[in-house]
Amino acid sequence: MLKKAFLSAVLLVFVFLSSGCGTLYKGAQGMKEGAKEDWAWLKKSDGWFKDNLW
């Protein structure tokens, strides 16, 4: 019983701290912007392959 209460308390504290953390939000935004750049690079590479290798 005590083990479950301790784990619940730790989980509650973790959720509380992570909900107010701007790092998670900014990290997700940065990841989204990085994915856009990667997608643009892949499209450019695909065009190069079509022009030069096909």
C-alpha atoms as a PDB file:
ATOM      1  CA  MET A   1       0.000   0.000   0.000  1.00  0.00           C
ATOM      2  CA  LEU A   2       2.800   2.388   0.913  1.00  0.00           C
ATOM      3  CA  LYS A   3       4.622   1.573  -2.313  1.00  0.00           C
ATOM      4  CA  LYS A   4       1.572   2.510  -4.407  1.00  0.00           C
ATOM      5  CA  ALA A   5       1.108   5.753  -2.486  1.00  0.00           C
ATOM      6  CA  PHE A   6       4.770   6.668  -2.973  1.00  0.00           C
ATOM      7  CA  LEU A   7       4.640   5.943  -6.705  1.00  0.00           C
ATOM      8  CA  SER A   8       1.431   7.949  -7.031  1.00  0.00           C
ATOM      9  CA  ALA A   9       3.019  10.895  -5.241  1.00  0.00           C
ATOM     10  CA  VAL A  10       6.111  10.777  -7.453  1.00  0.00           C
ATOM     11  CA  LEU A  11       3.948  10.594 -10.563  1.00  0.00           C
ATOM     12  CA  LEU A  12       1.821  13.499  -9.374  1.00  0.00           C
ATOM     13  CA  VAL A  13       4.906  15.648  -8.713  1.00  0.00           C
ATOM     14  CA  PHE A  14       6.353  14.759 -12.127  1.00  0.00           C
ATOM     15  CA  VAL A  15       3.118  15.675 -13.915  1.00  0.00           C
ATOM     16  CA  PHE A  16       2.892  18.928 -11.971  1.00  0.00           C
ATOM     17  CA  LEU A  17       6.461  19.928 -12.796  1.00  0.00           C
ATOM     18  CA  SER A  18       6.301  18.943 -16.446  1.00  0.00           C
ATOM     19  CA  SER A  19       2.992  20.709 -17.082  1.00  0.00           C
ATOM     20  CA  GLY A  20       4.466  24.093 -16.231  1.00  0.00           C
ATOM     21  CA  CYS A  21       7.749  23.514 -17.952  1.00  0.00           C
ATOM     22  CA  GLY A  22       8.297  25.672 -21.012  1.00  0.00           C
ATOM     23  CA  THR A  23      11.154  23.454 -22.118  1.00  0.00           C
ATOM     24  CA  LEU A  24       8.794  20.751 -23.306  1.00  0.00           C
ATOM     25  CA  TYR A  25       6.779  23.232 -25.341  1.00  0.00           C
ATOM     26  CA  LYS A  26       9.851  24.909 -26.836  1.00  0.00           C
ATOM     27  CA  GLY A  27      11.423  21.530 -27.532  1.00  0.00           C
ATOM     28  CA  ALA A  28       8.354  20.410 -29.445  1.00  0.00           C
ATOM     29  CA  GLN A  29       8.365  23.642 -31.464  1.00  0.00           C
ATOM     30  CA  GLY A  30      12.044  23.205 -32.284  1.00  0.00           C
ATOM     31  CA  MET A  31      11.480  19.629 -33.343  1.00  0.00           C
ATOM     32  CA  LYS A  32       8.647  20.727 -35.631  1.00  0.00           C
ATOM     33  CA  GLU A  33      10.820  23.394 -37.276  1.00  0.00           C
ATOM     34  CA  GLY A  34      13.667  20.905 -37.691  1.00  0.00           C
ATOM     35  CA  ALA A  35      11.324  18.424 -39.340  1.00  0.00           C
ATOM     36  CA  LYS A  36      10.218  21.115 -41.815  1.00  0.00           C
ATOM     37  CA  GLU A  37      13.845  21.769 -42.757  1.00  0.00           C
ATOM     38  CA  ASP A  38      14.544  18.044 -43.117  1.00  0.00           C
ATOM     39  CA  TRP A  39      11.462  17.589 -45.306  1.00  0.00           C
ATOM     40  CA  ALA A  40      12.554  20.471 -47.566  1.00  0.00           C
ATOM     41  CA  TRP A  41      16.018  18.928 -47.874  1.00  0.00           C
ATOM     42  CA  LEU A  42      14.502  15.533 -48.777  1.00  0.00           C
ATOM     43  CA  LYS A  43      12.309  17.088 -51.478  1.00  0.00           C
ATOM     44  CA  LYS A  44      15.335  18.918 -52.907  1.00  0.00           C
ATOM     45  CA  SER A  45      17.380  15.700 -52.894  1.00  0.00           C
ATOM     46  CA  ASP A  46      14.558  13.808 -54.587  1.00  0.00           C
ATOM     47  CA  GLY A  47      14.474  16.392 -57.381  1.00  0.00           C
ATOM     48  CA  TRP A  48      18.246  16.101 -57.818  1.00  0.00           C
ATOM     49  CA  PHE A  49      18.012  12.311 -58.039  1.00  0.00           C
ATOM     50  CA  LYS A  50      15.265  12.529 -60.643  1.00  0.00           C
ATOM     51  CA  ASP A  51      17.200  15.025 -62.758  1.00  0.00           C
ATOM     52  CA  ASN A  52      20.640  13.417 -62.554  1.00  0.00           C
ATOM     53  CA  LEU A  53      20.133   9.697 -62.067  1.00  0.00           C
ATOM     54  CA  TRP A  54      16.926   8.844 -63.932  1.00  0.00           C
END
